[in-house]
Amino acid sequence: MAVQMNIAEAKAKLSELVARAEAGEEVVIARDGVPVVVMKPANDAASGPRPRRVGFLKDVVDTTGWNPDWAMDDDDPADWGLDAEAEPPRGPPPKE
């Protein structure tokens, strides 16, 4: 069952209206008797949180031929082509 209130009354009872909407009840806020806002829970309690979209960038990022063993170790001077005694570089690696 939906509950409808005018803006002034809804302002005074906002906490109650939010609790009712969280419980799954439809809350309608009206201006001069005309509905203008419908309150409902952000995540429907029955369905739970929205599922994550795994792989949504699969067509954008090309990972063919990539091997995680090739990843650089930021702390290893040899990966940067530097001597072990040299000061570590600052900023991003140089582009080739």
PDB file of N, CA and C in Angstrom:
ATOM      1  N   MET A   1       0.838  -1.180   0.000  1.00  0.00           N
ATOM      2  CA  MET A   1       0.000   0.000   0.000  1.00  0.00           C
ATOM      3  C   MET A   1       0.886   1.248   0.000  1.00  0.00           C
ATOM      4  N   ALA A   2       0.585   2.192  -0.860  1.00  0.00           N
ATOM      5  CA  ALA A   2       1.377   3.414  -0.954  1.00  0.00           C
ATOM      6  C   ALA A   2       0.859   4.448   0.036  1.00  0.00           C
ATOM      7  N   VAL A   3       1.791   5.224   0.554  1.00  0.00           N
ATOM      8  CA  VAL A   3       1.430   6.327   1.431  1.00  0.00           C
ATOM      9  C   VAL A   3       1.775   7.616   0.697  1.00  0.00           C
ATOM     10  N   GLN A   4       0.857   8.605   0.746  1.00  0.00           N
ATOM     11  CA  GLN A   4       1.096   9.877   0.069  1.00  0.00           C
ATOM     12  C   GLN A   4       1.010  11.007   1.081  1.00  0.00           C
ATOM     13  N   MET A   5       1.983  11.929   1.005  1.00  0.00           N
ATOM     14  CA  MET A   5       2.011  13.091   1.893  1.00  0.00           C
ATOM     15  C   MET A   5       2.411  14.320   1.101  1.00  0.00           C
ATOM     16  N   ASN A   6       1.918  15.464   1.572  1.00  0.00           N
ATOM     17  CA  ASN A   6       2.359  16.724   0.987  1.00  0.00           C
ATOM     18  C   ASN A   6       3.751  17.053   1.495  1.00  0.00           C
ATOM     19  N   ILE A   7       4.427  17.952   0.822  1.00  0.00           N
ATOM     20  CA  ILE A   7       5.828  18.264   1.103  1.00  0.00           C
ATOM     21  C   ILE A   7       6.040  18.709   2.545  1.00  0.00           C
ATOM     22  N   ALA A   8       5.184  19.580   3.067  1.00  0.00           N
ATOM     23  CA  ALA A   8       5.374  20.089   4.429  1.00  0.00           C
ATOM     24  C   ALA A   8       5.293  18.961   5.454  1.00  0.00           C
ATOM     25  N   GLU A   9       4.326  18.083   5.284  1.00  0.00           N
ATOM     26  CA  GLU A   9       4.182  16.963   6.213  1.00  0.00           C
ATOM     27  C   GLU A   9       5.344  15.981   6.044  1.00  0.00           C
ATOM     28  N   ALA A  10       5.764  15.739   4.801  1.00  0.00           N
ATOM     29  CA  ALA A  10       6.877  14.827   4.542  1.00  0.00           C
ATOM     30  C   ALA A  10       8.166  15.360   5.151  1.00  0.00           C
ATOM     31  N   LYS A  11       8.342  16.670   5.112  1.00  0.00           N
ATOM     32  CA  LYS A  11       9.539  17.278   5.701  1.00  0.00           C
ATOM     33  C   LYS A  11       9.592  16.994   7.197  1.00  0.00           C
ATOM     34  N   ALA A  12       8.458  17.071   7.865  1.00  0.00           N
ATOM     35  CA  ALA A  12       8.405  16.835   9.309  1.00  0.00           C
ATOM     36  C   ALA A  12       8.580  15.358   9.655  1.00  0.00           C
ATOM     37  N   LYS A  13       8.232  14.474   8.724  1.00  0.00           N
ATOM     38  CA  LYS A  13       8.267  13.034   9.001  1.00  0.00           C
ATOM     39  C   LYS A  13       9.256  12.299   8.098  1.00  0.00           C
ATOM     40  N   LEU A  14      10.315  12.969   7.670  1.00  0.00           N
ATOM     41  CA  LEU A  14      11.238  12.373   6.707  1.00  0.00           C
ATOM     42  C   LEU A  14      11.841  11.064   7.197  1.00  0.00           C
ATOM     43  N   SER A  15      12.296  11.008   8.440  1.00  0.00           N
ATOM     44  CA  SER A  15      12.901   9.779   8.960  1.00  0.00           C
ATOM     45  C   SER A  15      11.927   8.613   8.894  1.00  0.00           C
ATOM     46  N   GLU A  16      10.684   8.865   9.258  1.00  0.00           N
ATOM     47  CA  GLU A  16       9.659   7.819   9.214  1.00  0.00           C
ATOM     48  C   GLU A  16       9.414   7.359   7.782  1.00  0.00           C
ATOM     49  N   LEU A  17       9.355   8.315   6.857  1.00  0.00           N
ATOM     50  CA  LEU A  17       9.115   7.971   5.453  1.00  0.00           C
ATOM     51  C   LEU A  17      10.265   7.163   4.863  1.00  0.00           C
ATOM     52  N   VAL A  18      11.496   7.519   5.218  1.00  0.00           N
ATOM     53  CA  VAL A  18      12.656   6.759   4.738  1.00  0.00           C
ATOM     54  C   VAL A  18      12.593   5.333   5.265  1.00  0.00           C
ATOM     55  N   ALA A  19      12.245   5.159   6.535  1.00  0.00           N
ATOM     56  CA  ALA A  19      12.137   3.817   7.115  1.00  0.00           C
ATOM     57  C   ALA A  19      11.047   3.009   6.413  1.00  0.00           C
ATOM     58  N   ARG A  20       9.940   3.650   6.099  1.00  0.00           N
ATOM     59  CA  ARG A  20       8.857   2.937   5.411  1.00  0.00           C
ATOM     60  C   ARG A  20       9.276   2.540   3.995  1.00  0.00           C
ATOM     61  N   ALA A  21      10.002   3.432   3.315  1.00  0.00           N
ATOM     62  CA  ALA A  21      10.480   3.116   1.968  1.00  0.00           C
ATOM     63  C   ALA A  21      11.493   1.977   2.016  1.00  0.00           C
ATOM     64  N   GLU A  22      12.374   1.994   3.027  1.00  0.00           N
ATOM     65  CA  GLU A  22      13.351   0.901   3.171  1.00  0.00           C
ATOM     66  C   GLU A  22      12.664  -0.426   3.421  1.00  0.00           C
ATOM     67  N   ALA A  23      11.517  -0.380   4.084  1.00  0.00           N
ATOM     68  CA  ALA A  23      10.759  -1.606   4.362  1.00  0.00           C
ATOM     69  C   ALA A  23      10.021  -2.110   3.129  1.00  0.00           C
ATOM     70  N   GLY A  24      10.078  -1.360   2.042  1.00  0.00           N
ATOM     71  CA  GLY A  24       9.474  -1.807   0.798  1.00  0.00           C
ATOM     72  C   GLY A  24       8.168  -1.113   0.456  1.00  0.00           C
ATOM     73  N   GLU A  25       7.703  -0.213   1.303  1.00  0.00           N
ATOM     74  CA  GLU A  25       6.459   0.502   1.043  1.00  0.00           C
ATOM     75  C   GLU A  25       6.732   1.658   0.081  1.00  0.00           C
ATOM     76  N   GLU A  26       5.806   1.900  -0.825  1.00  0.00           N
ATOM     77  CA  GLU A  26       5.957   3.006  -1.754  1.00  0.00           C
ATOM     78  C   GLU A  26       5.521   4.291  -1.061  1.00  0.00           C
ATOM     79  N   VAL A  27       6.379   5.294  -1.083  1.00  0.00           N
ATOM     80  CA  VAL A  27       6.099   6.577  -0.444  1.00  0.00           C
ATOM     81  C   VAL A  27       6.042   7.635  -1.544  1.00  0.00           C
ATOM     82  N   VAL A  28       4.918   8.336  -1.617  1.00  0.00           N
ATOM     83  CA  VAL A  28       4.716   9.358  -2.636  1.00  0.00           C
ATOM     84  C   VAL A  28       4.660  10.717  -1.941  1.00  0.00           C
ATOM     85  N   ILE A  29       5.453  11.658  -2.433  1.00  0.00           N
ATOM     86  CA  ILE A  29       5.428  13.029  -1.919  1.00  0.00           C
ATOM     87  C   ILE A  29       4.753  13.886  -2.982  1.00  0.00           C
ATOM     88  N   ALA A  30       3.762  14.665  -2.520  1.00  0.00           N
ATOM     89  CA  ALA A  30       2.952  15.447  -3.448  1.00  0.00           C
ATOM     90  C   ALA A  30       3.073  16.938  -3.159  1.00  0.00           C
ATOM     91  N   ARG A  31       2.829  17.730  -4.203  1.00  0.00           N
ATOM     92  CA  ARG A  31       2.756  19.183  -4.073  1.00  0.00           C
ATOM     93  C   ARG A  31       1.336  19.575  -4.473  1.00  0.00           C
ATOM     94  N   ASP A  32       0.612  20.152  -3.537  1.00  0.00           N
ATOM     95  CA  ASP A  32      -0.788  20.519  -3.764  1.00  0.00           C
ATOM     96  C   ASP A  32      -1.620  19.324  -4.233  1.00  0.00           C
ATOM     97  N   GLY A  33      -1.334  18.160  -3.651  1.00  0.00           N
ATOM     98  CA  GLY A  33      -2.103  16.960  -3.966  1.00  0.00           C
ATOM     99  C   GLY A  33      -1.680  16.249  -5.234  1.00  0.00           C
ATOM    100  N   VAL A  34      -0.696  16.789  -5.956  1.00  0.00           N
ATOM    101  CA  VAL A  34      -0.223  16.174  -7.203  1.00  0.00           C
ATOM    102  C   VAL A  34       1.099  15.473  -6.921  1.00  0.00           C
ATOM    103  N   PRO A  35       1.182  14.135  -7.146  1.00  0.00           N
ATOM    104  CA  PRO A  35       2.425  13.404  -6.873  1.00  0.00           C
ATOM    105  C   PRO A  35       3.592  13.958  -7.693  1.00  0.00           C
ATOM    106  N   VAL A  36       4.730  14.197  -6.989  1.00  0.00           N
ATOM    107  CA  VAL A  36       5.915  14.697  -7.684  1.00  0.00           C
ATOM    108  C   VAL A  36       7.144  13.810  -7.457  1.00  0.00           C
ATOM    109  N   VAL A  37       7.159  13.052  -6.348  1.00  0.00           N
ATOM    110  CA  VAL A  37       8.314  12.205  -6.025  1.00  0.00           C
ATOM    111  C   VAL A  37       7.815  10.872  -5.489  1.00  0.00           C
ATOM    112  N   VAL A  38       8.471   9.790  -5.922  1.00  0.00           N
ATOM    113  CA  VAL A  38       8.211   8.469  -5.372  1.00  0.00           C
ATOM    114  C   VAL A  38       9.488   7.995  -4.709  1.00  0.00           C
ATOM    115  N   MET A  39       9.395   7.622  -3.432  1.00  0.00           N
ATOM    116  CA  MET A  39      10.564   7.114  -2.701  1.00  0.00           C
ATOM    117  C   MET A  39      10.509   5.595  -2.686  1.00  0.00           C
ATOM    118  N   LYS A  40      11.646   4.994  -2.951  1.00  0.00           N
ATOM    119  CA  LYS A  40      11.770   3.543  -2.860  1.00  0.00           C
ATOM    120  C   LYS A  40      13.204   3.231  -2.477  1.00  0.00           C
ATOM    121  N   PRO A  41      13.496   2.030  -1.969  1.00  0.00           N
ATOM    122  CA  PRO A  41      14.870   1.714  -1.563  1.00  0.00           C
ATOM    123  C   PRO A  41      15.822   1.742  -2.765  1.00  0.00           C
ATOM    124  N   ALA A  42      17.066   2.183  -2.527  1.00  0.00           N
ATOM    125  CA  ALA A  42      18.071   2.215  -3.591  1.00  0.00           C
ATOM    126  C   ALA A  42      18.379   0.810  -4.080  1.00  0.00           C
ATOM    127  N   ASN A  43      18.545  -0.129  -3.149  1.00  0.00           N
ATOM    128  CA  ASN A  43      18.748  -1.539  -3.488  1.00  0.00           C
ATOM    129  C   ASN A  43      17.537  -2.296  -2.996  1.00  0.00           C
ATOM    130  N   ASP A  44      16.813  -2.895  -3.910  1.00  0.00           N
ATOM    131  CA  ASP A  44      15.630  -3.642  -3.528  1.00  0.00           C
ATOM    132  C   ASP A  44      16.047  -4.772  -2.596  1.00  0.00           C
ATOM    133  N   ALA A  45      15.476  -4.818  -1.404  1.00  0.00           N
ATOM    134  CA  ALA A  45      15.850  -5.819  -0.400  1.00  0.00           C
ATOM    135  C   ALA A  45      15.603  -7.230  -0.907  1.00  0.00           C
ATOM    136  N   ALA A  46      14.608  -7.416  -1.750  1.00  0.00           N
ATOM    137  CA  ALA A  46      14.300  -8.755  -2.239  1.00  0.00           C
ATOM    138  C   ALA A  46      15.377  -9.268  -3.191  1.00  0.00           C
ATOM    139  N   SER A  47      15.920  -8.380  -4.007  1.00  0.00           N
ATOM    140  CA  SER A  47      16.906  -8.831  -4.995  1.00  0.00           C
ATOM    141  C   SER A  47      18.339  -8.674  -4.509  1.00  0.00           C
ATOM    142  N   GLY A  48      18.550  -7.924  -3.440  1.00  0.00           N
ATOM    143  CA  GLY A  48      19.900  -7.724  -2.929  1.00  0.00           C
ATOM    144  C   GLY A  48      20.632  -6.681  -3.751  1.00  0.00           C
ATOM    145  N   PRO A  49      21.925  -6.515  -3.489  1.00  0.00           N
ATOM    146  CA  PRO A  49      22.691  -5.512  -4.232  1.00  0.00           C
ATOM    147  C   PRO A  49      22.833  -5.913  -5.697  1.00  0.00           C
ATOM    148  N   ARG A  50      23.066  -4.900  -6.528  1.00  0.00           N
ATOM    149  CA  ARG A  50      23.233  -5.182  -7.949  1.00  0.00           C
ATOM    150  C   ARG A  50      24.478  -6.040  -8.178  1.00  0.00           C
ATOM    151  N   PRO A  51      24.409  -6.986  -9.096  1.00  0.00           N
ATOM    152  CA  PRO A  51      25.583  -7.826  -9.371  1.00  0.00           C
ATOM    153  C   PRO A  51      26.672  -7.023 -10.072  1.00  0.00           C
ATOM    154  N   ARG A  52      27.899  -7.427  -9.853  1.00  0.00           N
ATOM    155  CA  ARG A  52      29.021  -6.780 -10.531  1.00  0.00           C
ATOM    156  C   ARG A  52      29.092  -7.279 -11.962  1.00  0.00           C
ATOM    157  N   ARG A  53      29.494  -6.395 -12.837  1.00  0.00           N
ATOM    158  CA  ARG A  53      29.612  -6.753 -14.248  1.00  0.00           C
ATOM    159  C   ARG A  53      31.057  -7.145 -14.541  1.00  0.00           C
ATOM    160  N   VAL A  54      31.337  -8.418 -14.432  1.00  0.00           N
ATOM    161  CA  VAL A  54      32.684  -8.910 -14.682  1.00  0.00           C
ATOM    162  C   VAL A  54      32.940  -8.918 -16.181  1.00  0.00           C
ATOM    163  N   GLY A  55      34.080  -8.400 -16.566  1.00  0.00           N
ATOM    164  CA  GLY A  55      34.471  -8.429 -17.973  1.00  0.00           C
ATOM    165  C   GLY A  55      33.847  -7.343 -18.825  1.00  0.00           C
ATOM    166  N   PHE A  56      33.364  -6.255 -18.219  1.00  0.00           N
ATOM    167  CA  PHE A  56      32.700  -5.233 -19.012  1.00  0.00           C
ATOM    168  C   PHE A  56      33.668  -4.482 -19.922  1.00  0.00           C
ATOM    169  N   LEU A  57      34.993  -4.612 -19.701  1.00  0.00           N
ATOM    170  CA  LEU A  57      35.967  -3.959 -20.583  1.00  0.00           C
ATOM    171  C   LEU A  57      36.642  -4.942 -21.546  1.00  0.00           C
ATOM    172  N   LYS A  58      36.113  -6.152 -21.649  1.00  0.00           N
ATOM    173  CA  LYS A  58      36.786  -7.180 -22.444  1.00  0.00           C
ATOM    174  C   LYS A  58      36.952  -6.803 -23.912  1.00  0.00           C
ATOM    175  N   ASP A  59      36.043  -6.005 -24.453  1.00  0.00           N
ATOM    176  CA  ASP A  59      36.156  -5.600 -25.854  1.00  0.00           C
ATOM    177  C   ASP A  59      36.951  -4.311 -26.027  1.00  0.00           C
ATOM    178  N   VAL A  60      37.325  -3.660 -24.920  1.00  0.00           N
ATOM    179  CA  VAL A  60      38.039  -2.398 -24.979  1.00  0.00           C
ATOM    180  C   VAL A  60      39.539  -2.603 -24.779  1.00  0.00           C
ATOM    181  N   VAL A  61      39.905  -3.481 -23.849  1.00  0.00           N
ATOM    182  CA  VAL A  61      41.307  -3.697 -23.503  1.00  0.00           C
ATOM    183  C   VAL A  61      41.799  -4.975 -24.170  1.00  0.00           C
ATOM    184  N   ASP A  62      42.892  -4.866 -24.910  1.00  0.00           N
ATOM    185  CA  ASP A  62      43.475  -6.031 -25.581  1.00  0.00           C
ATOM    186  C   ASP A  62      44.563  -6.621 -24.697  1.00  0.00           C
ATOM    187  N   THR A  63      44.330  -7.834 -24.202  1.00  0.00           N
ATOM    188  CA  THR A  63      45.312  -8.494 -23.341  1.00  0.00           C
ATOM    189  C   THR A  63      45.937  -9.699 -24.022  1.00  0.00           C
ATOM    190  N   THR A  64      45.741  -9.836 -25.313  1.00  0.00           N
ATOM    191  CA  THR A  64      46.328 -10.973 -26.011  1.00  0.00           C
ATOM    192  C   THR A  64      47.844 -10.859 -25.983  1.00  0.00           C
ATOM    193  N   GLY A  65      48.508 -11.931 -25.660  1.00  0.00           N
ATOM    194  CA  GLY A  65      49.958 -11.961 -25.630  1.00  0.00           C
ATOM    195  C   GLY A  65      50.557 -11.361 -24.379  1.00  0.00           C
ATOM    196  N   TRP A  66      49.742 -10.920 -23.421  1.00  0.00           N
ATOM    197  CA  TRP A  66      50.273 -10.343 -22.190  1.00  0.00           C
ATOM    198  C   TRP A  66      50.574 -11.450 -21.202  1.00  0.00           C
ATOM    199  N   ASN A  67      51.718 -11.348 -20.560  1.00  0.00           N
ATOM    200  CA  ASN A  67      52.131 -12.339 -19.578  1.00  0.00           C
ATOM    201  C   ASN A  67      52.430 -11.596 -18.279  1.00  0.00           C
ATOM    202  N   PRO A  68      51.800 -11.973 -17.150  1.00  0.00           N
ATOM    203  CA  PRO A  68      52.055 -11.253 -15.909  1.00  0.00           C
ATOM    204  C   PRO A  68      53.501 -11.336 -15.439  1.00  0.00           C
ATOM    205  N   ASP A  69      54.248 -12.319 -15.939  1.00  0.00           N
ATOM    206  CA  ASP A  69      55.658 -12.427 -15.560  1.00  0.00           C
ATOM    207  C   ASP A  69      56.484 -11.288 -16.171  1.00  0.00           C
ATOM    208  N   TRP A  70      55.946 -10.614 -17.165  1.00  0.00           N
ATOM    209  CA  TRP A  70      56.664  -9.518 -17.797  1.00  0.00           C
ATOM    210  C   TRP A  70      56.501  -8.200 -17.045  1.00  0.00           C
ATOM    211  N   ALA A  71      55.624  -8.174 -16.074  1.00  0.00           N
ATOM    212  CA  ALA A  71      55.369  -6.928 -15.347  1.00  0.00           C
ATOM    213  C   ALA A  71      56.638  -6.466 -14.646  1.00  0.00           C
ATOM    214  N   MET A  72      56.844  -5.158 -14.645  1.00  0.00           N
ATOM    215  CA  MET A  72      58.022  -4.592 -14.012  1.00  0.00           C
ATOM    216  C   MET A  72      57.831  -4.493 -12.516  1.00  0.00           C
ATOM    217  N   ASP A  73      58.901  -4.710 -11.805  1.00  0.00           N
ATOM    218  CA  ASP A  73      58.906  -4.497 -10.366  1.00  0.00           C
ATOM    219  C   ASP A  73      59.431  -3.089 -10.133  1.00  0.00           C
ATOM    220  N   ASP A  74      58.579  -2.205  -9.614  1.00  0.00           N
ATOM    221  CA  ASP A  74      58.962  -0.801  -9.442  1.00  0.00           C
ATOM    222  C   ASP A  74      60.173  -0.625  -8.543  1.00  0.00           C
ATOM    223  N   ASP A  75      60.416  -1.574  -7.648  1.00  0.00           N
ATOM    224  CA  ASP A  75      61.521  -1.443  -6.703  1.00  0.00           C
ATOM    225  C   ASP A  75      62.822  -2.042  -7.217  1.00  0.00           C
ATOM    226  N   ASP A  76      62.785  -2.681  -8.373  1.00  0.00           N
ATOM    227  CA  ASP A  76      63.980  -3.335  -8.898  1.00  0.00           C
ATOM    228  C   ASP A  76      64.656  -2.405  -9.907  1.00  0.00           C
ATOM    229  N   PRO A  77      65.821  -1.844  -9.561  1.00  0.00           N
ATOM    230  CA  PRO A  77      66.513  -0.916 -10.473  1.00  0.00           C
ATOM    231  C   PRO A  77      66.850  -1.549 -11.819  1.00  0.00           C
ATOM    232  N   ALA A  78      67.044  -2.868 -11.843  1.00  0.00           N
ATOM    233  CA  ALA A  78      67.377  -3.528 -13.099  1.00  0.00           C
ATOM    234  C   ALA A  78      66.234  -3.395 -14.108  1.00  0.00           C
ATOM    235  N   ASP A  79      64.995  -3.370 -13.621  1.00  0.00           N
ATOM    236  CA  ASP A  79      63.860  -3.207 -14.526  1.00  0.00           C
ATOM    237  C   ASP A  79      63.841  -1.828 -15.168  1.00  0.00           C
ATOM    238  N   TRP A  80      64.486  -0.874 -14.540  1.00  0.00           N
ATOM    239  CA  TRP A  80      64.528   0.480 -15.043  1.00  0.00           C
ATOM    240  C   TRP A  80      65.820   0.759 -15.817  1.00  0.00           C
ATOM    241  N   GLY A  81      66.671  -0.226 -15.927  1.00  0.00           N
ATOM    242  CA  GLY A  81      67.931  -0.056 -16.629  1.00  0.00           C
ATOM    243  C   GLY A  81      68.915   0.776 -15.840  1.00  0.00           C
ATOM    244  N   LEU A  82      68.845   0.705 -14.512  1.00  0.00           N
ATOM    245  CA  LEU A  82      69.724   1.500 -13.661  1.00  0.00           C
ATOM    246  C   LEU A  82      70.629   0.584 -12.843  1.00  0.00           C
ATOM    247  N   ASP A  83      71.678   1.179 -12.317  1.00  0.00           N
ATOM    248  CA  ASP A  83      72.547   0.454 -11.396  1.00  0.00           C
ATOM    249  C   ASP A  83      71.821   0.327 -10.055  1.00  0.00           C
ATOM    250  N   ALA A  84      72.150  -0.710  -9.318  1.00  0.00           N
ATOM    251  CA  ALA A  84      71.516  -0.946  -8.027  1.00  0.00           C
ATOM    252  C   ALA A  84      71.809   0.184  -7.047  1.00  0.00           C
ATOM    253  N   GLU A  85      72.979   0.845  -7.187  1.00  0.00           N
ATOM    254  CA  GLU A  85      73.342   1.911  -6.265  1.00  0.00           C
ATOM    255  C   GLU A  85      72.710   3.248  -6.631  1.00  0.00           C
ATOM    256  N   ALA A  86      72.178   3.359  -7.835  1.00  0.00           N
ATOM    257  CA  ALA A  86      71.617   4.633  -8.287  1.00  0.00           C
ATOM    258  C   ALA A  86      70.320   4.943  -7.542  1.00  0.00           C
ATOM    259  N   GLU A  87      70.014   6.219  -7.462  1.00  0.00           N
ATOM    260  CA  GLU A  87      68.777   6.639  -6.813  1.00  0.00           C
ATOM    261  C   GLU A  87      67.597   6.164  -7.659  1.00  0.00           C
ATOM    262  N   PRO A  88      66.558   5.646  -7.025  1.00  0.00           N
ATOM    263  CA  PRO A  88      65.407   5.170  -7.812  1.00  0.00           C
ATOM    264  C   PRO A  88      64.751   6.324  -8.570  1.00  0.00           C
ATOM    265  N   PRO A  89      64.228   6.057  -9.741  1.00  0.00           N
ATOM    266  CA  PRO A  89      63.623   7.118 -10.549  1.00  0.00           C
ATOM    267  C   PRO A  89      62.339   7.635  -9.917  1.00  0.00           C
ATOM    268  N   ARG A  90      62.006   8.864 -10.268  1.00  0.00           N
ATOM    269  CA  ARG A  90      60.750   9.453  -9.808  1.00  0.00           C
ATOM    270  C   ARG A  90      59.855   9.640 -11.020  1.00  0.00           C
ATOM    271  N   GLY A  91      58.581   9.372 -10.827  1.00  0.00           N
ATOM    272  CA  GLY A  91      57.626   9.535 -11.916  1.00  0.00           C
ATOM    273  C   GLY A  91      57.432   8.259 -12.703  1.00  0.00           C
ATOM    274  N   PRO A  92      56.694   8.326 -13.766  1.00  0.00           N
ATOM    275  CA  PRO A  92      56.411   7.131 -14.569  1.00  0.00           C
ATOM    276  C   PRO A  92      57.631   6.681 -15.349  1.00  0.00           C
ATOM    277  N   PRO A  93      57.631   5.432 -15.773  1.00  0.00           N
ATOM    278  CA  PRO A  93      58.766   4.936 -16.558  1.00  0.00           C
ATOM    279  C   PRO A  93      58.829   5.660 -17.910  1.00  0.00           C
ATOM    280  N   PRO A  94      60.028   5.749 -18.485  1.00  0.00           N
ATOM    281  CA  PRO A  94      60.153   6.421 -19.783  1.00  0.00           C
ATOM    282  C   PRO A  94      59.426   5.647 -20.863  1.00  0.00           C
ATOM    283  N   LYS A  95      58.871   6.369 -21.824  1.00  0.00           N
ATOM    284  CA  LYS A  95      58.174   5.714 -22.943  1.00  0.00           C
ATOM    285  C   LYS A  95      59.176   5.374 -24.023  1.00  0.00           C
ATOM    286  N   GLU A  96      58.952   4.267 -24.630  1.00  0.00           N
ATOM    287  CA  GLU A  96      59.870   3.825 -25.680  1.00  0.00           C
ATOM    288  C   GLU A  96      59.372   4.232 -27.030  1.00  0.00           C
TER     289      GLU A  96
END
